Amino acid sequence: MSDLTSTKEPELFGHPKGLFYLFFAELWERFSFYGMRALLTLYMVNEIFEALVTRDLAAAAVYSSYGSLVYASTVVGGRVSDKLLGFRKSILLGGALMALGHFVLAIENDIAFFLALAFIVVGNGFFKPNISTFVGALYKDGDQRKDSGFTIFYMGINIGGFVAPLLCGWLGREYGWHYGFGLAGIGMLTGLLVFWNGMKSGVFQDKGLAPKLESLEKKVLGVKQKILVPILSVLAAPIIALMLYSYKAVAGGESIFGDQNVVNIIFKAVGVFILGYMAFIMYKCTPSERKKLGVALLITLFMTVFWGFHELSGSVITLFAERNVNLKIIDAAQTNALNSMFIIILSIPISLLWTYLAKKKRNPRTPYKFGLGLALAGICFYVLSLSGGAADDNGMVPFSYLLIMYFLLSIGELFMSPVGLSKITDLSPQRIVAFMMGVWFLSSAYAFQVVGFIGKKLAIESDDANVGGLDSLDTYIGGFELIAQYALGAAVIVLLVSPILKKWMQEVH
């Protein structure tokens, strides 16, 4: 008999069995995502833009635009899932498009490169928001297992983020870039097969289905919507590829917008619209709602600033590791595994710390945690700036500085990221929770605009493909010191206004 007709939900280790299918699907999806990300900037600098003196500038433009679109696409994908496809079909469609993107990335061709990134952008929009929401849908309201379920799921993300850069980085170094990208594609395909197997075995029961099956069959322009959505998704890829390709005008100094490309302009326009719409919403709110919503917006802004510094790990910090860090055991691409490694090690101790402080009634309120997280981000970049004093005659700094930097950054992430999302739902009026969740996801998209800005400022211009050492050290060290000052300045501001924000949060902790 199918599990769909069973009265008792199948369980494993005290949790819905479907959780573990989603755990492994997400693990492999993150494997593909972080494996590809570990190689992306290095591949662009050393292969795609090798002939350009402004190769760093071009790579920064593409990397930031790609990252922004990857996270912005989740807002669209989430809405299509809610209104039409449901979690299951969205995850399958997204996973298939991402796998296609990774395999196209393994083709040695510049046009294929941009098209591959575009497929990953569209696929991520359907996959990422829906698999996370699907985890929550496995539990009934008030189920006390939900928090530990998300902890298990979050661990899958970081296992994938830890293992992928090590394996894909090794393959890329030993056999060629495209073997590393190909392994990332195999990882995505594996995750998709795990999820499909879960569907066929019935572990999800009746969860994650399309909200209205008749809507899928409804025709638009003579085509059923269940077929039209995949068609439009595939057709969107060439358009996104062209947007990413607009780096060329920026790198060549031909853009009428200076150092801005098409994606930058679009995000600025969207940002203005969101701010205007938020002002309208807050005008309509009650005074109590307005205060809470104000806090929600501010912690979203703080998170954007933090992610903007954090996501430099896939661009500027990877290039710094390649050119100026004396690496012995791992290479520059593999340093991308350090953040996930520390998250895995530190998640439980920091969770126990919050529990201990809560019992002592000394658990910091959310604004204080955000201030401390930003302070740690500032300190970790200050550590990197100090590494210049320990550089050898070739401009290479000890690996220990990079290790300490990732250790501190990971603690800062654990201070901020796990609590932020839940606070958005607690602080937002029920009638606009979905919209605010979209704004929260967009914060990561805007963080990549920060990444692009910094990446362009720290771009090394040279006609030497192997530039590094003393030629790049001062630029990176000076940049890290400036980032540290901005992060610490932001932390001070957040901590100073925290007493006010604490009052505005009212009953929300």
Protein backbone atom coordinates (compact mmCIF):
# COMPACT_ATOMS: atom_id res chain seq x y z
CA MET A 1 0.00 0.00 0.00
CA SER A 2 1.31 3.49 -0.82
CA ASP A 3 2.39 5.72 2.04
CA LEU A 4 0.03 8.32 0.63
CA THR A 5 -2.87 6.30 2.00
CA SER A 6 -1.19 5.44 5.27
CA THR A 7 -2.62 7.00 8.41
CA LYS A 8 0.75 7.19 10.15
CA GLU A 9 3.54 9.32 8.77
CA PRO A 10 6.74 7.32 8.07
CA GLU A 11 9.50 8.37 10.48
CA LEU A 12 13.27 7.95 10.79
CA PHE A 13 15.21 8.86 13.96
CA GLY A 14 12.09 10.55 15.35
CA HIS A 15 11.60 12.85 12.34
CA PRO A 16 9.47 12.60 9.20
CA LYS A 17 11.31 10.29 6.82
CA GLY A 18 10.93 12.86 4.07
CA LEU A 19 13.31 15.16 5.98
CA PHE A 20 16.25 12.89 5.19
CA TYR A 21 15.42 12.78 1.50
CA LEU A 22 15.34 16.58 1.51
CA PHE A 23 18.55 16.59 3.59
CA PHE A 24 20.46 14.56 0.98
CA ALA A 25 18.90 16.42 -1.94
CA GLU A 26 19.97 19.76 -0.44
CA LEU A 27 23.40 18.38 0.48
CA TRP A 28 24.08 17.45 -3.14
CA GLU A 29 22.57 20.67 -4.46
CA ARG A 30 24.86 22.68 -2.17
CA PHE A 31 27.71 20.41 -3.23
CA SER A 32 27.11 21.47 -6.82
CA PHE A 33 26.63 25.16 -5.94
CA TYR A 34 29.68 25.58 -3.70
CA GLY A 35 31.85 23.31 -5.84
CA MET A 36 31.17 25.53 -8.82
CA ARG A 37 31.54 28.74 -6.79
CA ALA A 38 34.97 27.67 -5.52
CA LEU A 39 36.23 27.51 -9.10
CA LEU A 40 34.24 30.33 -10.68
CA THR A 41 36.34 33.44 -9.98
CA LEU A 42 39.64 31.64 -10.55
CA TYR A 43 38.32 30.19 -13.81
CA MET A 44 37.17 33.60 -15.06
CA VAL A 45 40.47 35.29 -14.19
CA ASN A 46 42.69 32.51 -15.55
CA GLU A 47 40.67 31.36 -18.56
CA ILE A 48 37.63 33.38 -19.68
CA PHE A 49 39.21 36.85 -19.23
CA GLU A 50 42.88 35.85 -19.35
CA ALA A 51 43.64 38.19 -22.27
CA LEU A 52 42.25 41.27 -20.50
CA VAL A 53 44.35 43.65 -18.43
CA THR A 54 41.10 44.31 -16.56
CA ARG A 55 40.43 40.60 -15.94
CA ASP A 56 39.77 41.16 -12.21
CA LEU A 57 37.27 43.90 -12.98
CA ALA A 58 35.44 41.69 -15.49
CA ALA A 59 35.37 38.74 -13.08
CA ALA A 60 34.04 40.97 -10.28
CA ALA A 61 31.27 42.29 -12.55
CA VAL A 62 30.14 38.81 -13.62
CA TYR A 63 30.47 37.24 -10.16
CA SER A 64 28.42 39.96 -8.44
CA SER A 65 25.76 39.98 -11.17
CA TYR A 66 25.51 36.19 -11.10
CA GLY A 67 25.22 36.14 -7.29
CA SER A 68 22.59 38.88 -7.27
CA LEU A 69 20.47 37.13 -9.89
CA VAL A 70 20.83 33.73 -8.17
CA TYR A 71 19.24 35.08 -4.99
CA ALA A 72 16.74 37.40 -6.67
CA SER A 73 15.41 34.48 -8.71
CA THR A 74 14.24 32.80 -5.49
CA VAL A 75 11.55 35.45 -5.08
CA VAL A 76 10.10 34.66 -8.53
CA GLY A 77 10.49 30.89 -8.10
CA GLY A 78 8.82 30.99 -4.70
CA ARG A 79 5.81 32.85 -6.06
CA VAL A 80 5.38 30.47 -9.03
CA SER A 81 5.52 27.55 -6.62
CA ASP A 82 2.95 29.08 -4.24
CA LYS A 83 0.51 29.95 -7.00
CA LEU A 84 0.95 27.11 -9.48
CA LEU A 85 3.57 24.35 -9.32
CA GLY A 86 3.89 23.41 -5.64
CA PHE A 87 7.12 22.36 -3.96
CA ARG A 88 7.66 19.05 -5.74
CA LYS A 89 7.41 20.21 -9.35
CA SER A 90 9.37 23.37 -8.57
CA ILE A 91 12.24 21.42 -7.00
CA LEU A 92 12.35 18.96 -9.91
CA LEU A 93 12.30 21.75 -12.50
CA GLY A 94 14.91 23.79 -10.62
CA GLY A 95 17.18 20.81 -10.08
CA ALA A 96 17.00 19.81 -13.74
CA LEU A 97 17.88 23.34 -14.91
CA MET A 98 20.77 23.59 -12.43
CA ALA A 99 22.15 20.20 -13.48
CA LEU A 100 21.92 21.32 -17.11
CA GLY A 101 23.77 24.52 -16.23
CA HIS A 102 26.60 22.67 -14.49
CA PHE A 103 27.07 20.27 -17.38
CA VAL A 104 27.02 23.12 -19.94
CA LEU A 105 29.65 24.82 -17.75
CA ALA A 106 31.90 21.81 -18.41
CA ILE A 107 31.98 22.78 -22.12
CA GLU A 108 35.06 24.81 -23.05
CA ASN A 109 33.32 27.71 -24.77
CA ASP A 110 32.75 31.34 -23.73
CA ILE A 111 29.12 31.43 -24.94
CA ALA A 112 28.41 28.16 -23.13
CA PHE A 113 29.91 29.70 -19.98
CA PHE A 114 27.38 32.54 -19.76
CA LEU A 115 24.47 30.33 -20.81
CA ALA A 116 25.44 27.83 -18.09
CA LEU A 117 25.42 30.53 -15.41
CA ALA A 118 21.99 31.63 -16.65
CA PHE A 119 20.54 28.11 -16.34
CA ILE A 120 21.89 27.89 -12.78
CA VAL A 121 20.28 31.26 -11.94
CA VAL A 122 16.85 30.17 -13.20
CA GLY A 123 17.13 26.69 -11.66
CA ASN A 124 18.17 28.01 -8.27
CA GLY A 125 15.11 30.24 -8.25
CA PHE A 126 12.86 27.19 -8.32
CA PHE A 127 14.98 24.87 -6.17
CA LYS A 128 16.39 26.88 -3.26
CA PRO A 129 13.33 28.56 -1.68
CA ASN A 130 11.05 25.58 -2.17
CA ILE A 131 13.18 22.84 -0.66
CA SER A 132 13.70 24.95 2.49
CA THR A 133 9.97 25.66 2.77
CA PHE A 134 9.20 21.99 2.10
CA VAL A 135 11.13 21.06 5.26
CA GLY A 136 8.79 23.23 7.32
CA ALA A 137 5.75 21.74 5.58
CA LEU A 138 6.69 18.26 6.85
CA TYR A 139 5.82 19.34 10.40
CA LYS A 140 2.47 20.41 11.79
CA ASP A 141 2.09 23.80 13.47
CA GLY A 142 3.51 23.69 16.98
CA ASP A 143 5.55 20.53 16.36
CA GLN A 144 8.53 20.86 18.69
CA ARG A 145 10.67 18.75 16.34
CA LYS A 146 10.71 21.47 13.68
CA ASP A 147 13.72 23.41 15.05
CA SER A 148 15.87 20.30 15.32
CA GLY A 149 14.67 19.26 11.86
CA PHE A 150 15.94 22.52 10.40
CA THR A 151 19.20 22.05 12.29
CA ILE A 152 19.66 18.66 10.60
CA PHE A 153 18.78 20.21 7.24
CA TYR A 154 21.21 23.13 7.82
CA MET A 155 23.95 20.61 8.56
CA GLY A 156 23.36 19.06 5.14
CA ILE A 157 23.93 22.46 3.54
CA ASN A 158 27.27 22.85 5.27
CA ILE A 159 28.44 19.29 4.65
CA GLY A 160 27.90 19.94 0.94
CA GLY A 161 29.60 23.34 1.27
CA PHE A 162 32.61 21.73 2.99
CA VAL A 163 33.19 18.68 0.79
CA ALA A 164 32.49 20.29 -2.61
CA PRO A 165 35.34 22.84 -2.76
CA LEU A 166 37.81 20.17 -1.64
CA LEU A 167 36.81 17.65 -4.32
CA CYS A 168 35.96 20.05 -7.16
CA GLY A 169 39.04 22.15 -6.36
CA TRP A 170 41.26 19.06 -6.48
CA LEU A 171 39.77 17.90 -9.78
CA GLY A 172 40.09 21.37 -11.26
CA ARG A 173 43.75 21.59 -10.22
CA GLU A 174 44.83 18.08 -11.21
CA TYR A 175 42.78 17.44 -14.36
CA GLY A 176 41.30 20.74 -15.52
CA TRP A 177 38.59 23.26 -14.66
CA HIS A 178 35.86 21.48 -16.57
CA TYR A 179 36.30 18.23 -14.64
CA GLY A 180 35.62 20.20 -11.47
CA PHE A 181 32.52 21.77 -12.99
CA GLY A 182 31.44 18.36 -14.28
CA LEU A 183 31.65 16.87 -10.78
CA ALA A 184 29.46 19.71 -9.52
CA GLY A 185 26.92 18.73 -12.18
CA ILE A 186 27.01 15.09 -11.08
CA GLY A 187 26.38 16.29 -7.52
CA MET A 188 23.29 18.21 -8.62
CA LEU A 189 21.99 15.25 -10.62
CA THR A 190 22.49 13.00 -7.57
CA GLY A 191 20.47 15.37 -5.41
CA LEU A 192 17.70 15.39 -8.00
CA LEU A 193 17.59 11.59 -8.13
CA VAL A 194 17.44 11.38 -4.32
CA PHE A 195 14.46 13.74 -4.27
CA TRP A 196 12.72 11.91 -7.13
CA ASN A 197 13.19 8.61 -5.28
CA GLY A 198 11.59 10.14 -2.20
CA MET A 199 8.58 11.15 -4.26
CA LYS A 200 8.22 7.69 -5.78
CA SER A 201 8.53 5.95 -2.42
CA GLY A 202 5.73 8.08 -0.97
CA VAL A 203 7.64 9.47 2.03
CA PHE A 204 6.25 12.96 1.44
CA GLN A 205 2.65 11.65 1.56
CA ASP A 206 0.36 14.44 0.29
CA LYS A 207 2.74 17.31 1.02
CA GLY A 208 4.33 19.55 -1.59
CA LEU A 209 1.72 18.99 -4.31
CA ALA A 210 0.47 21.75 -6.61
CA PRO A 211 -2.07 23.98 -4.82
CA LYS A 212 -4.64 23.51 -7.62
CA LEU A 213 -4.14 20.64 -10.05
CA GLU A 214 -6.67 22.13 -12.47
CA SER A 215 -4.48 25.25 -12.79
CA LEU A 216 -1.67 23.14 -14.20
CA GLU A 217 -3.96 21.94 -16.97
CA LYS A 218 -5.27 25.42 -17.76
CA LYS A 219 -4.07 26.65 -21.14
CA VAL A 220 -2.39 30.00 -21.75
CA LEU A 221 -1.72 30.88 -25.40
CA GLY A 222 -2.82 27.35 -26.24
CA VAL A 223 -0.23 25.70 -23.96
CA LYS A 224 -0.90 24.01 -20.62
CA GLN A 225 0.64 25.96 -17.74
CA LYS A 226 2.55 22.91 -16.47
CA ILE A 227 4.37 22.90 -19.83
CA LEU A 228 4.47 26.68 -20.30
CA VAL A 229 6.45 27.34 -17.10
CA PRO A 230 9.41 25.08 -18.08
CA ILE A 231 9.37 26.56 -21.60
CA LEU A 232 9.50 30.14 -20.29
CA SER A 233 12.20 29.14 -17.80
CA VAL A 234 14.43 27.81 -20.57
CA LEU A 235 13.73 30.86 -22.76
CA ALA A 236 14.70 33.16 -19.87
CA ALA A 237 18.23 31.71 -19.82
CA PRO A 238 19.54 33.44 -23.00
CA ILE A 239 18.20 36.79 -21.75
CA ILE A 240 19.99 36.37 -18.42
CA ALA A 241 23.13 35.24 -20.26
CA LEU A 242 23.11 38.52 -22.23
CA MET A 243 22.71 40.48 -18.98
CA LEU A 244 25.74 38.71 -17.53
CA TYR A 245 27.68 39.31 -20.75
CA SER A 246 27.25 43.05 -20.30
CA TYR A 247 30.43 42.87 -18.16
CA LYS A 248 32.30 43.53 -21.44
CA ALA A 249 31.27 47.16 -21.72
CA VAL A 250 32.26 47.72 -18.08
CA ALA A 251 35.66 46.00 -18.37
CA GLY A 252 36.42 47.84 -21.60
CA GLY A 253 35.37 51.23 -20.24
CA GLU A 254 32.61 51.48 -22.86
CA SER A 255 29.58 51.50 -20.53
CA ILE A 256 27.53 54.69 -20.58
CA PHE A 257 26.90 54.04 -16.88
CA GLY A 258 30.60 54.05 -15.93
CA ASP A 259 31.50 50.94 -13.95
CA GLN A 260 27.86 49.79 -13.82
CA ASN A 261 26.39 47.01 -15.96
CA VAL A 262 22.77 46.14 -16.81
CA VAL A 263 22.25 44.07 -13.65
CA ASN A 264 23.54 46.87 -11.42
CA ILE A 265 21.09 49.33 -12.97
CA ILE A 266 18.15 46.93 -12.62
CA PHE A 267 18.88 46.30 -8.94
CA LYS A 268 19.15 50.01 -8.22
CA ALA A 269 15.74 50.57 -9.81
CA VAL A 270 14.20 47.64 -7.90
CA GLY A 271 15.74 48.96 -4.68
CA VAL A 272 14.13 52.37 -5.15
CA PHE A 273 10.76 50.70 -5.82
CA ILE A 274 11.02 48.50 -2.71
CA LEU A 275 11.93 51.45 -0.49
CA GLY A 276 9.02 53.47 -1.87
CA TYR A 277 6.59 50.57 -1.38
CA MET A 278 7.88 49.99 2.16
CA ALA A 279 7.30 53.66 2.98
CA PHE A 280 3.70 53.28 1.76
CA ILE A 281 3.20 50.10 3.81
CA MET A 282 4.61 51.69 6.97
CA TYR A 283 2.34 54.71 6.47
CA LYS A 284 -0.66 52.34 6.52
CA CYS A 285 0.55 50.44 9.64
CA THR A 286 -0.43 51.10 13.24
CA PRO A 287 2.28 52.73 15.43
CA SER A 288 3.03 49.35 17.06
CA GLU A 289 3.32 47.57 13.71
CA ARG A 290 5.44 50.42 12.34
CA LYS A 291 8.05 50.01 15.07
CA LYS A 292 8.31 46.27 14.62
CA LEU A 293 8.45 46.59 10.84
CA GLY A 294 11.16 49.22 11.21
CA VAL A 295 13.26 46.72 13.16
CA ALA A 296 12.62 44.05 10.50
CA LEU A 297 13.88 46.42 7.80
CA LEU A 298 16.94 47.41 9.79
CA ILE A 299 18.03 43.84 10.58
CA THR A 300 17.56 43.07 6.87
CA LEU A 301 19.90 45.98 6.11
CA PHE A 302 22.42 44.78 8.71
CA MET A 303 22.30 41.28 7.21
CA THR A 304 22.88 42.71 3.73
CA VAL A 305 26.02 44.47 4.96
CA PHE A 306 27.28 41.30 6.65
CA TRP A 307 26.64 39.07 3.62
CA GLY A 308 28.31 41.68 1.43
CA PHE A 309 31.54 41.16 3.37
CA HIS A 310 30.99 37.41 3.86
CA GLU A 311 30.48 36.64 0.16
CA LEU A 312 33.88 38.11 -0.68
CA SER A 313 35.10 34.62 0.19
CA GLY A 314 34.17 33.44 -3.31
CA SER A 315 35.85 36.34 -5.10
CA VAL A 316 38.40 38.72 -3.60
CA ILE A 317 39.47 36.40 -0.77
CA THR A 318 39.89 33.48 -3.18
CA LEU A 319 42.10 35.65 -5.40
CA PHE A 320 44.05 36.81 -2.33
CA ALA A 321 44.55 33.17 -1.33
CA GLU A 322 45.76 32.35 -4.86
CA ARG A 323 48.15 35.28 -5.15
CA ASN A 324 49.30 36.10 -1.62
CA VAL A 325 48.73 33.22 0.82
CA ASN A 326 51.39 30.59 1.38
CA LEU A 327 49.12 27.58 0.92
CA LYS A 328 50.54 24.16 1.75
CA ILE A 329 47.80 21.56 2.21
CA ILE A 330 44.98 23.03 0.12
CA ASP A 331 44.79 25.34 -2.89
CA ALA A 332 42.93 28.63 -3.32
CA ALA A 333 39.70 27.04 -4.58
CA GLN A 334 39.67 24.64 -1.63
CA THR A 335 39.88 27.48 0.91
CA ASN A 336 36.17 27.97 0.17
CA ALA A 337 35.56 24.87 2.33
CA LEU A 338 36.86 26.58 5.49
CA ASN A 339 33.69 28.53 6.25
CA SER A 340 31.45 25.44 6.12
CA MET A 341 34.00 23.46 8.14
CA PHE A 342 33.86 25.99 10.97
CA ILE A 343 30.05 26.21 10.77
CA ILE A 344 29.84 22.43 11.25
CA ILE A 345 32.27 22.57 14.19
CA LEU A 346 30.77 25.63 15.89
CA SER A 347 27.00 25.26 15.31
CA ILE A 348 26.29 23.05 18.34
CA PRO A 349 28.59 24.89 20.81
CA ILE A 350 27.07 28.28 19.92
CA SER A 351 23.54 26.85 20.06
CA LEU A 352 24.34 25.49 23.55
CA LEU A 353 25.75 28.90 24.49
CA TRP A 354 22.45 30.63 23.64
CA THR A 355 20.54 27.96 25.60
CA TYR A 356 22.82 28.43 28.62
CA LEU A 357 22.50 32.23 28.49
CA ALA A 358 18.71 31.94 28.12
CA LYS A 359 18.53 29.90 31.33
CA LYS A 360 20.59 32.60 33.04
CA LYS A 361 18.29 35.23 31.46
CA ARG A 362 21.31 36.80 29.74
CA ASN A 363 20.65 35.74 26.16
CA PRO A 364 21.28 38.90 24.03
CA ARG A 365 18.36 40.28 22.07
CA THR A 366 18.57 40.05 18.29
CA PRO A 367 19.96 43.58 17.63
CA TYR A 368 22.88 42.94 19.99
CA LYS A 369 23.66 39.62 18.26
CA PHE A 370 23.67 41.42 14.91
CA GLY A 371 26.01 44.08 16.26
CA LEU A 372 28.39 41.42 17.58
CA GLY A 373 28.23 39.56 14.27
CA LEU A 374 29.24 42.69 12.34
CA ALA A 375 32.00 43.35 14.89
CA LEU A 376 33.40 39.86 14.28
CA ALA A 377 33.29 40.50 10.53
CA GLY A 378 35.30 43.68 11.09
CA ILE A 379 37.84 41.94 13.32
CA CYS A 380 38.35 39.07 10.85
CA PHE A 381 39.19 41.50 8.03
CA TYR A 382 41.46 43.41 10.37
CA VAL A 383 43.30 40.12 10.98
CA LEU A 384 43.74 39.75 7.22
CA SER A 385 45.07 43.30 6.98
CA LEU A 386 47.66 42.50 9.67
CA SER A 387 48.91 39.55 7.61
CA GLY A 388 50.89 41.98 5.44
CA GLY A 389 53.32 42.49 8.31
CA ALA A 390 54.18 38.79 8.22
CA ALA A 391 54.68 38.57 4.45
CA ASP A 392 57.88 37.00 3.14
CA ASP A 393 60.17 38.48 0.50
CA ASN A 394 57.83 37.21 -2.23
CA GLY A 395 54.75 38.91 -0.76
CA MET A 396 53.24 35.67 0.55
CA VAL A 397 51.55 35.64 3.98
CA PRO A 398 51.09 32.70 6.39
CA PHE A 399 47.99 30.51 5.93
CA SER A 400 47.17 30.90 9.65
CA TYR A 401 45.82 34.42 9.05
CA LEU A 402 43.28 33.11 6.55
CA LEU A 403 42.32 30.32 8.94
CA ILE A 404 41.71 32.77 11.81
CA MET A 405 39.75 35.03 9.47
CA TYR A 406 37.33 32.24 8.48
CA PHE A 407 37.00 31.12 12.12
CA LEU A 408 35.87 34.59 13.25
CA LEU A 409 33.65 35.14 10.19
CA SER A 410 31.87 31.81 10.83
CA ILE A 411 31.12 32.78 14.43
CA GLY A 412 29.70 36.06 13.17
CA GLU A 413 27.51 34.16 10.70
CA LEU A 414 26.13 31.95 13.49
CA PHE A 415 25.36 35.04 15.57
CA MET A 416 23.24 36.52 12.79
CA SER A 417 21.96 34.15 10.11
CA PRO A 418 19.99 31.54 12.13
CA VAL A 419 17.99 34.14 14.08
CA GLY A 420 17.37 36.65 11.30
CA LEU A 421 14.87 34.70 9.22
CA SER A 422 12.67 33.77 12.19
CA LYS A 423 12.62 37.38 13.40
CA ILE A 424 11.33 38.61 10.05
CA THR A 425 8.24 36.43 10.44
CA ASP A 426 7.79 37.50 14.09
CA LEU A 427 8.16 41.24 13.43
CA SER A 428 6.15 41.56 10.20
CA PRO A 429 2.36 42.04 10.18
CA GLN A 430 0.73 38.79 9.05
CA ARG A 431 -0.75 40.39 5.95
CA ILE A 432 2.71 41.18 4.49
CA VAL A 433 4.83 38.31 5.83
CA ALA A 434 5.30 36.80 2.36
CA PHE A 435 6.43 40.15 0.95
CA MET A 436 8.90 40.68 3.80
CA MET A 437 10.30 37.18 3.28
CA GLY A 438 10.91 38.19 -0.32
CA VAL A 439 12.70 41.34 0.85
CA TRP A 440 14.81 39.19 3.20
CA PHE A 441 15.87 36.91 0.34
CA LEU A 442 16.63 39.95 -1.79
CA SER A 443 19.05 41.14 0.90
CA SER A 444 21.44 38.40 -0.24
CA ALA A 445 21.03 39.58 -3.82
CA TYR A 446 21.95 43.12 -2.81
CA ALA A 447 24.87 41.79 -0.79
CA PHE A 448 26.41 40.65 -4.07
CA GLN A 449 26.15 44.22 -5.32
CA VAL A 450 28.38 45.13 -2.36
CA VAL A 451 30.69 42.26 -3.36
CA GLY A 452 30.89 43.62 -6.90
CA PHE A 453 31.65 47.17 -5.68
CA ILE A 454 34.49 45.95 -3.44
CA GLY A 455 35.75 43.52 -6.09
CA LYS A 456 36.08 46.34 -8.60
CA LYS A 457 37.92 48.54 -6.10
CA LEU A 458 40.40 45.74 -5.29
CA ALA A 459 40.85 44.64 -8.91
CA ILE A 460 44.49 44.14 -9.91
CA GLU A 461 45.18 45.49 -13.40
CA SER A 462 48.03 43.69 -15.11
CA ASP A 463 48.98 42.09 -18.42
CA ASP A 464 50.64 39.29 -16.45
CA ALA A 465 48.28 36.33 -16.04
CA ASN A 466 50.31 35.18 -13.02
CA VAL A 467 50.25 38.51 -11.19
CA GLY A 468 50.60 38.21 -7.43
CA GLY A 469 53.07 38.48 -4.58
CA LEU A 470 54.38 42.00 -3.99
CA ASP A 471 52.45 43.30 -7.03
CA SER A 472 49.07 42.64 -5.38
CA LEU A 473 49.80 42.52 -1.62
CA ASP A 474 49.45 46.23 -0.83
CA THR A 475 46.15 46.52 -2.73
CA TYR A 476 44.58 43.62 -0.81
CA ILE A 477 45.97 44.60 2.60
CA GLY A 478 44.80 48.20 2.21
CA GLY A 479 41.38 47.00 1.03
CA PHE A 480 40.96 44.59 3.94
CA GLU A 481 41.83 47.33 6.42
CA LEU A 482 39.21 49.61 4.88
CA ILE A 483 36.59 46.83 4.96
CA ALA A 484 37.41 46.23 8.63
CA GLN A 485 36.85 49.90 9.41
CA TYR A 486 33.46 49.94 7.66
CA ALA A 487 32.35 46.69 9.34
CA LEU A 488 33.43 47.86 12.80
CA GLY A 489 31.79 51.22 12.18
CA ALA A 490 28.54 49.48 11.25
CA ALA A 491 28.82 47.29 14.36
CA VAL A 492 29.20 50.34 16.62
CA ILE A 493 26.14 51.98 15.05
CA VAL A 494 24.07 48.81 15.49
CA LEU A 495 25.12 48.37 19.13
CA LEU A 496 24.39 52.04 19.89
CA VAL A 497 20.85 51.86 18.47
CA SER A 498 20.16 48.38 19.91
CA PRO A 499 18.46 49.70 23.10
CA ILE A 500 15.98 51.59 20.89
CA LEU A 501 15.43 48.60 18.61
CA LYS A 502 14.92 46.39 21.67
CA LYS A 503 12.02 48.63 22.74
CA TRP A 504 10.56 48.69 19.25
CA MET A 505 10.57 44.87 19.13
CA GLN A 506 8.14 44.88 22.08
CA GLU A 507 7.26 41.28 23.01
CA VAL A 508 9.47 39.74 20.28
CA HIS A 509 12.78 38.51 21.68
